[in-house]
Protein backbone atom coordinates (compact mmCIF):
# COMPACT_ATOMS: atom_id res chain seq x y z
CA MET A 1 -32.89 100.91 233.44
CA THR A 2 -33.57 102.67 230.30
CA GLN A 3 -32.84 106.32 230.21
CA HIS A 4 -31.59 108.72 232.74
CA THR A 5 -32.54 112.46 231.70
CA SER A 6 -30.35 113.33 234.60
CA LYS A 7 -27.35 112.53 232.99
CA LYS A 8 -25.91 115.67 231.62
CA ILE A 9 -23.22 115.49 228.46
CA LEU A 10 -20.81 118.12 227.78
CA VAL A 11 -20.09 118.34 223.93
CA ILE A 12 -17.23 120.56 223.02
CA GLY A 13 -17.11 121.55 219.43
CA ALA A 14 -20.00 122.55 217.36
CA GLY A 15 -18.85 120.99 214.11
CA ILE A 16 -20.43 117.97 212.18
CA GLY A 17 -19.46 115.62 214.59
CA GLY A 18 -20.44 117.67 217.92
CA LEU A 19 -23.78 118.90 216.57
CA THR A 20 -24.74 115.16 215.16
CA THR A 21 -24.13 113.68 218.49
CA ALA A 22 -25.75 116.47 220.63
CA ALA A 23 -28.74 116.04 218.43
CA ALA A 24 -29.04 112.05 218.66
CA LEU A 25 -28.19 112.28 222.47
CA ARG A 26 -30.92 114.79 222.95
CA ASN A 27 -33.32 112.71 221.14
CA ALA A 28 -32.44 109.23 223.36
CA GLY A 29 -33.41 110.99 226.48
CA LEU A 30 -29.89 112.65 227.76
CA ASP A 31 -29.51 116.16 228.76
CA VAL A 32 -26.89 117.87 226.50
CA GLU A 33 -24.65 121.01 226.18
CA ILE A 34 -22.83 122.27 223.52
CA TYR A 35 -19.83 124.64 223.75
CA GLU A 36 -18.23 126.00 221.02
CA ARG A 37 -14.93 128.13 220.85
CA ALA A 38 -16.15 130.29 217.73
CA GLY A 39 -18.15 133.30 218.45
CA ALA A 40 -20.78 132.07 215.95
CA LEU A 41 -20.79 129.29 213.48
CA LYS A 42 -19.34 130.54 210.17
CA ALA A 43 -19.02 127.09 207.51
CA ALA A 44 -16.01 127.74 205.26
CA GLY A 45 -16.85 127.89 201.78
CA SER A 46 -16.10 124.26 200.73
CA GLY A 47 -18.49 121.10 200.26
CA LEU A 48 -18.63 117.73 201.19
CA SER A 49 -20.04 114.30 200.57
CA VAL A 50 -22.30 112.58 202.83
CA MET A 51 -21.79 109.06 201.73
CA SER A 52 -24.57 106.28 202.47
CA ASN A 53 -22.58 104.83 205.06
CA ALA A 54 -23.03 108.10 206.83
CA ILE A 55 -26.81 108.44 205.78
CA ALA A 56 -27.44 105.12 207.40
CA ALA A 57 -25.82 106.19 210.53
CA LEU A 58 -28.23 109.06 210.43
CA GLU A 59 -31.06 107.08 210.25
CA SER A 60 -29.95 104.71 212.74
CA MET A 61 -30.20 107.63 215.24
CA GLY A 62 -33.71 108.68 213.96
CA LEU A 63 -32.15 111.84 212.32
CA ASP A 64 -33.86 112.83 209.04
CA LEU A 65 -32.07 116.18 207.86
CA ALA A 66 -33.46 115.82 204.41
CA LEU A 67 -30.12 116.37 203.05
CA ASP A 68 -31.11 115.18 199.51
CA LYS A 69 -33.21 118.21 199.22
CA ARG A 70 -30.46 120.57 200.34
CA GLY A 71 -27.93 119.14 198.29
CA GLU A 72 -27.77 116.49 195.42
CA VAL A 73 -27.94 113.09 195.26
CA LEU A 74 -24.56 111.35 193.60
CA ARG A 75 -25.19 110.32 190.45
CA SER A 76 -21.85 109.66 188.64
CA TYR A 77 -18.52 109.37 189.55
CA HIS A 78 -15.78 110.10 187.14
CA VAL A 79 -11.65 110.07 187.40
CA ARG A 80 -10.24 111.84 183.87
CA THR A 81 -6.86 112.79 182.74
CA THR A 82 -5.72 116.60 183.04
CA ARG A 83 -7.16 117.14 179.33
CA GLY A 84 -10.66 115.25 180.50
CA ARG A 85 -9.99 111.67 179.14
CA LEU A 86 -11.99 108.93 180.96
CA ILE A 87 -9.62 106.79 183.34
CA ARG A 88 -12.23 105.18 184.87
CA GLU A 89 -15.94 105.52 185.88
CA PHE A 90 -16.60 104.53 189.62
CA PRO A 91 -19.64 102.28 190.62
CA PHE A 92 -21.05 104.29 193.28
CA PRO A 93 -24.25 104.64 191.47
CA LYS A 94 -24.79 100.41 191.29
CA ILE A 95 -23.46 100.16 194.87
CA ILE A 96 -25.88 102.97 196.35
CA ARG A 97 -28.96 101.47 194.75
CA LYS A 98 -27.75 98.26 196.38
CA LEU A 99 -27.49 99.63 199.64
CA GLY A 100 -30.79 101.31 199.23
CA VAL A 101 -29.37 104.69 200.97
CA PRO A 102 -28.23 107.74 198.83
CA SER A 103 -25.11 109.62 198.74
CA VAL A 104 -25.44 113.40 199.16
CA LEU A 105 -23.10 116.31 197.55
CA ILE A 106 -23.56 118.94 199.73
CA THR A 107 -22.21 122.35 200.92
CA ARG A 108 -20.71 122.36 204.50
CA SER A 109 -22.84 125.54 205.39
CA ASP A 110 -25.95 123.62 204.16
CA LEU A 111 -25.01 120.34 206.05
CA GLN A 112 -24.40 122.81 209.12
CA GLU A 113 -28.05 124.41 208.78
CA ALA A 114 -29.67 121.05 208.64
CA LEU A 115 -27.71 120.06 212.05
CA LEU A 116 -28.35 123.42 213.63
CA ALA A 117 -32.43 122.88 213.05
CA ALA A 118 -31.89 119.41 214.51
CA THR A 119 -30.31 120.69 217.58
CA ALA A 120 -32.84 123.37 218.10
CA GLY A 121 -33.75 123.69 221.56
CA ILE A 122 -29.97 122.45 222.65
CA PRO A 123 -27.98 124.95 224.72
CA ILE A 124 -25.28 125.82 222.71
CA THR A 125 -22.71 128.41 224.61
CA TYR A 126 -20.54 130.17 221.57
CA GLY A 127 -17.15 131.95 222.59
CA ALA A 128 -16.39 129.28 224.84
CA THR A 129 -12.88 128.27 224.53
CA ALA A 130 -12.16 124.73 226.72
CA GLU A 131 -8.90 125.11 228.49
CA SER A 132 -8.71 122.22 230.94
CA PHE A 133 -11.01 119.55 232.32
CA THR A 134 -11.09 117.51 235.67
CA THR A 135 -12.89 114.34 236.73
CA ASP A 136 -13.96 113.84 240.34
CA GLU A 137 -13.29 110.10 241.47
CA ALA A 138 -15.81 109.97 244.20
CA THR A 139 -18.72 111.14 241.71
CA GLY A 140 -17.33 110.33 238.49
CA ARG A 141 -18.38 113.60 236.70
CA VAL A 142 -16.25 115.68 234.92
CA THR A 143 -15.59 119.52 234.88
CA VAL A 144 -14.76 121.79 232.00
CA ARG A 145 -12.85 124.87 232.83
CA PHE A 146 -12.89 128.03 229.90
CA GLN A 147 -10.45 130.44 229.05
CA GLU A 148 -13.25 133.02 229.77
CA GLY A 149 -13.61 131.90 233.22
CA ARG A 150 -16.64 129.56 233.38
CA GLU A 151 -17.04 126.27 234.16
CA ALA A 152 -19.58 123.47 233.01
CA HIS A 153 -20.19 120.02 234.81
CA GLY A 154 -21.29 117.13 233.49
CA ASP A 155 -21.32 113.16 233.65
CA ALA A 156 -19.38 112.83 230.27
CA LEU A 157 -17.42 114.95 228.06
CA ILE A 158 -17.33 114.43 224.71
CA GLY A 159 -14.28 116.35 222.58
CA ALA A 160 -15.33 117.06 219.36
CA ASP A 161 -13.19 119.98 218.88
CA GLY A 162 -11.64 119.15 215.89
CA PHE A 163 -7.77 118.77 214.64
CA HIS A 164 -6.75 121.08 217.52
CA SER A 165 -8.54 119.68 220.06
CA VAL A 166 -7.84 120.54 223.66
CA ILE A 167 -9.38 117.71 225.22
CA ARG A 168 -6.93 115.33 222.99
CA ARG A 169 -4.27 117.69 224.26
CA GLN A 170 -4.82 117.01 227.63
CA LEU A 171 -5.45 113.35 227.32
CA HIS A 172 -2.42 112.35 225.21
CA GLY A 173 0.07 115.58 225.48
CA PRO A 174 1.40 117.72 222.56
CA GLU A 175 1.68 115.83 219.32
CA GLY A 176 2.95 116.58 216.01
CA SER A 177 0.77 116.46 212.87
CA ARG A 178 1.49 114.54 209.70
CA ASP A 179 1.55 116.48 206.46
CA SER A 180 0.30 115.03 203.10
CA GLY A 181 3.04 116.79 201.17
CA TYR A 182 0.65 119.12 199.18
CA ILE A 183 -2.05 121.91 199.68
CA CYS A 184 -5.65 122.05 198.88
CA TRP A 185 -7.35 124.70 197.35
CA LEU A 186 -11.13 125.09 198.07
CA ALA A 187 -14.17 127.40 196.70
CA VAL A 188 -17.83 126.89 196.10
CA ILE A 189 -19.44 129.06 193.38
CA PRO A 190 -22.48 129.45 191.08
CA PHE A 191 -20.90 127.43 187.74
CA GLU A 192 -22.69 125.74 184.88
CA HIS A 193 -20.99 123.43 182.35
CA SER A 194 -21.87 120.87 180.13
CA ARG A 195 -19.57 118.23 181.62
CA LEU A 196 -20.83 119.24 185.22
CA THR A 197 -24.12 117.32 184.95
CA THR A 198 -26.62 116.86 187.89
CA GLY A 199 -25.28 114.70 190.70
CA SER A 200 -22.07 114.35 189.12
CA VAL A 201 -18.47 113.87 190.86
CA THR A 202 -15.21 114.27 188.42
CA HIS A 203 -11.71 114.11 189.69
CA TYR A 204 -8.96 114.78 187.51
CA TRP A 205 -5.46 113.38 187.95
CA GLY A 206 -2.05 115.13 186.63
CA SER A 207 1.45 115.12 187.90
CA GLY A 208 1.69 116.06 191.71
CA LYS A 209 -1.75 117.75 191.15
CA ARG A 210 -5.39 116.84 191.15
CA PHE A 211 -8.64 118.63 190.55
CA GLY A 212 -12.17 117.90 191.62
CA LEU A 213 -15.53 119.31 190.38
CA VAL A 214 -18.72 118.50 192.60
CA ASP A 215 -22.04 119.29 191.67
CA VAL A 216 -23.54 120.28 195.07
CA GLY A 217 -27.02 121.54 193.91
CA GLY A 218 -28.65 124.67 193.39
CA GLY A 219 -26.51 125.61 190.55
CA ARG A 220 -23.35 125.61 192.74
CA VAL A 221 -20.27 123.85 192.35
CA TYR A 222 -17.74 122.68 194.77
CA TRP A 223 -14.07 122.39 193.43
CA TRP A 224 -11.06 121.70 195.02
CA GLY A 225 -7.48 121.31 193.68
CA THR A 226 -4.22 120.08 195.10
CA LYS A 227 -0.56 120.67 194.36
CA ASN A 228 2.50 118.83 195.92
CA MET A 229 4.32 121.68 198.34
CA PRO A 230 6.49 121.49 201.16
CA PRO A 231 4.99 121.67 204.37
CA ARG A 232 6.40 125.06 205.37
CA GLU A 233 5.16 126.48 202.06
CA SER A 234 1.74 124.79 202.29
CA ALA A 235 0.85 126.26 205.67
CA ASN A 236 1.89 129.78 204.72
CA TRP A 237 0.78 130.23 201.29
CA ARG A 238 0.29 133.69 200.55
CA GLY A 239 -0.56 133.37 196.72
CA GLY A 240 -3.65 134.22 194.89
CA LYS A 241 -5.76 133.17 192.08
CA ILE A 242 -3.49 133.61 189.22
CA ASP A 243 -1.01 131.20 191.04
CA VAL A 244 -3.99 128.52 191.48
CA LEU A 245 -4.72 128.98 187.59
CA ARG A 246 -1.07 128.76 186.77
CA SER A 247 -0.99 125.54 188.50
CA TYR A 248 -3.51 124.09 185.92
CA ALA A 249 -2.22 125.49 182.98
CA GLY A 250 -3.03 123.16 179.98
CA TRP A 251 -6.00 121.38 181.73
CA ALA A 252 -9.32 120.61 181.04
CA ASP A 253 -11.21 123.73 179.89
CA GLU A 254 -13.97 123.48 182.45
CA ILE A 255 -11.21 123.46 185.08
CA ARG A 256 -9.67 126.89 184.23
CA GLN A 257 -13.21 128.15 183.53
CA VAL A 258 -14.09 127.61 187.28
CA ILE A 259 -11.44 128.86 188.76
CA GLN A 260 -11.67 132.11 186.46
CA ALA A 261 -15.24 132.36 187.47
CA THR A 262 -14.09 132.37 191.36
CA PRO A 263 -14.02 135.35 192.95
CA GLU A 264 -10.37 135.59 194.73
CA GLU A 265 -11.59 136.05 198.17
CA LYS A 266 -13.53 132.60 197.98
CA ILE A 267 -10.71 130.40 197.33
CA ILE A 268 -9.77 128.95 200.38
CA PRO A 269 -6.10 127.45 200.94
CA VAL A 270 -5.96 124.63 203.18
CA PRO A 271 -2.73 122.83 204.41
CA SER A 272 -3.71 118.80 204.17
CA ARG A 273 -2.77 116.93 207.29
CA ASP A 274 -3.37 114.04 209.46
CA ARG A 275 -2.25 112.88 212.98
CA VAL A 276 -0.79 109.30 214.12
CA PHE A 277 -3.51 107.07 214.65
CA LEU A 278 -4.40 106.97 218.40
CA GLU A 279 -4.88 103.32 219.78
CA ARG A 280 -7.25 104.83 223.10
CA TRP A 281 -9.19 107.88 222.69
CA GLY A 282 -10.10 108.68 226.01
CA ARG A 283 -10.18 107.53 229.90
CA GLY A 284 -12.81 107.97 232.53
CA PRO A 285 -15.85 109.94 231.51
CA VAL A 286 -13.95 111.60 228.65
CA THR A 287 -13.60 110.53 225.03
CA LEU A 288 -12.90 111.89 221.57
CA LEU A 289 -14.84 111.63 218.41
CA GLY A 290 -14.36 112.77 214.68
CA ASP A 291 -11.24 114.90 213.74
CA ALA A 292 -10.49 115.52 217.25
CA ALA A 293 -9.90 111.64 217.74
CA HIS A 294 -8.56 110.55 214.00
CA PRO A 295 -8.28 113.12 211.40
CA MET A 296 -7.64 111.68 208.15
CA LEU A 297 -6.91 112.99 204.80
CA THR A 298 -9.54 114.14 202.08
CA SER A 299 -8.75 111.30 199.42
CA LEU A 300 -11.54 109.01 200.53
CA GLY A 301 -14.06 111.96 201.19
CA GLN A 302 -15.16 109.84 204.58
CA GLY A 303 -14.04 112.48 207.02
CA SER A 304 -17.51 113.76 207.64
CA ALA A 305 -18.80 110.31 207.53
CA MET A 306 -16.40 108.75 210.09
CA ALA A 307 -17.72 111.71 212.65
CA ILE A 308 -21.26 110.84 212.05
CA GLU A 309 -20.67 107.14 212.42
CA ASP A 310 -18.92 107.90 215.63
CA ALA A 311 -21.91 109.83 216.84
CA ALA A 312 -24.19 106.90 216.05
CA VAL A 313 -22.33 104.21 218.10
CA LEU A 314 -21.33 106.69 220.70
CA VAL A 315 -25.10 107.24 221.48
CA ARG A 316 -25.90 103.61 221.29
CA HIS A 317 -23.40 103.02 224.04
CA LEU A 318 -24.44 105.92 226.32
CA THR A 319 -28.15 105.38 226.15
CA GLY A 320 -29.35 103.75 229.63
CA ALA A 321 -25.51 103.44 230.39
CA GLU A 322 -25.23 103.11 234.32
CA ASP A 323 -21.32 102.87 233.82
CA ILE A 324 -20.58 105.99 231.68
CA PRO A 325 -16.76 105.22 231.52
CA ARG A 326 -17.59 101.35 230.37
CA ALA A 327 -20.03 102.64 228.11
CA LEU A 328 -16.78 104.92 226.31
CA ARG A 329 -14.51 102.44 226.26
CA ARG A 330 -17.14 100.28 224.56
CA TYR A 331 -17.83 103.07 221.97
CA GLU A 332 -14.10 103.31 221.27
CA ASP A 333 -13.45 99.42 221.03
CA ASP A 334 -16.29 99.71 218.62
CA ARG A 335 -14.92 102.31 216.45
CA ARG A 336 -11.20 101.69 216.63
CA GLU A 337 -10.69 99.31 213.75
CA ARG A 338 -12.95 101.08 211.46
CA ALA A 339 -11.65 104.55 211.99
CA ARG A 340 -8.06 103.04 212.03
CA GLY A 341 -8.64 101.49 208.36
CA MET A 342 -9.93 104.84 207.00
CA VAL A 343 -7.20 107.03 207.83
CA ALA A 344 -4.74 104.45 206.68
CA ALA A 345 -6.55 104.08 203.60
CA SER A 346 -7.21 107.94 202.90
CA ARG A 347 -3.18 108.02 203.31
CA SER A 348 -2.48 105.37 201.54
CA ILE A 349 -4.70 106.78 198.18
CA SER A 350 -3.75 109.99 198.88
CA THR A 351 -0.01 109.23 198.38
CA PHE A 352 -0.96 107.09 195.27
CA GLU A 353 -3.05 109.49 193.51
CA GLN A 354 -1.04 112.79 194.36
CA SER A 355 2.34 110.90 192.63
CA GLU A 356 4.58 113.10 190.30
CA ASN A 357 7.32 110.21 189.78
CA PRO A 358 7.28 109.46 186.07
CA VAL A 359 7.26 105.93 186.46
CA ARG A 360 4.09 105.74 189.07
CA ARG A 361 2.16 108.32 187.25
CA PRO A 362 1.05 105.77 184.60
CA LEU A 363 1.02 103.02 186.84
CA ARG A 364 -1.47 104.96 188.91
CA ASP A 365 -3.82 105.71 185.97
CA ALA A 366 -3.21 102.00 184.67
CA THR A 367 -4.16 100.74 188.44
CA PHE A 368 -7.67 102.27 188.38
CA ARG A 369 -8.32 101.67 184.56
CA TYR A 370 -7.57 97.74 184.44
CA MET A 371 -8.87 97.13 187.85
CA PRO A 372 -11.34 94.38 188.23
CA ASP A 373 -14.84 95.66 188.30
CA ALA A 374 -15.62 93.11 191.17
CA ARG A 375 -12.75 94.04 193.50
CA LEU A 376 -13.18 98.05 193.03
CA THR A 377 -16.99 97.49 193.60
CA ARG A 378 -16.21 95.27 196.94
CA THR A 379 -13.85 97.67 198.18
CA LEU A 380 -16.07 100.72 197.62
CA GLU A 381 -19.02 99.14 199.09
CA ASP A 382 -17.08 98.37 202.22
CA ALA A 383 -16.40 102.10 202.71
CA LEU A 384 -20.07 103.11 201.80
CA THR A 385 -21.62 100.20 204.38
CA PHE A 386 -22.29 101.72 207.99
CA PRO A 387 -21.01 98.66 210.16
CA THR A 388 -23.82 98.50 212.65
CA PRO A 389 -22.21 97.41 216.08
CA ALA A 390 -23.53 94.33 217.91
CA PHE A 391 -24.60 95.11 221.53
């Protein structure tokens, strides 16, 4: 049997992973419904990188989102000191040319608009807060109950409901989070500077602080900053723009200028955290995807890409599947080691880059400055290559 339009897949969460999954499942001939707890989708004012592995995963699902027309193709990637002196240029352009698949720098809202266009016609219920689910052993079907009193019934349930996933909590019980030890500030604004070239990504490394400038197209820049901070303080940060400016006193002019040009209400403070990696994501006709399955820190810029990769592998296993639970376990098996490696690498790199130890800081800079090109290229190429699963 090839396809069953009678198979209904319930997707909880209309984020990047949920929308990608729904669009691809519909294209594969499956019946899909999306449920989102927010009353409407309003993407935060932040940006992200849809790296080559994610673009390749989208292509494997037949999803052409024309992201290069909505954002900016990555053309250069530099790491600099606080004053702007070059530490290392990363060979992303060379790797991208070799792979033949671009990496795109884009705002979260622009990516969301592209995904909403791809899901046009798929039922999306907003203001639907999932509360619990049950499975019927006799039929194998699953029922989701929502706080608002409604129910949804389907053959499979995909928990793509993010870091605070209700589906994950029912599957695995209450869990604590692992704080990164620093806060992130994020913003997207119109901005121009001679050092901000087309398709550029620039990271600046200081002591317990980092800063990033990313050209996301249309004369806009996505900037982010980090600062070491105790978890309780970062989770309840109540500072303002002046506090962010003070954190980068003496740093490169373009950093202070972009902060000064940002309206205070556009600066979004975000605590940075992940969770202990799950060995088994789901059971029966239920599984997890994206941040619900494997939240990670942002140092690799691969969070959205991992959700998109998840969607590609999940859809391959569900297409034409007679045994839904078996298909979901195979999806999890295919994704486990790739996701585990990304979560671990993100935390390791984050800790290393965020160092404020006077001994480790010079070691950090020297490690990246003098790392052999072949080693750095191999590491980056592995991350940027979508591992097509064998069936």
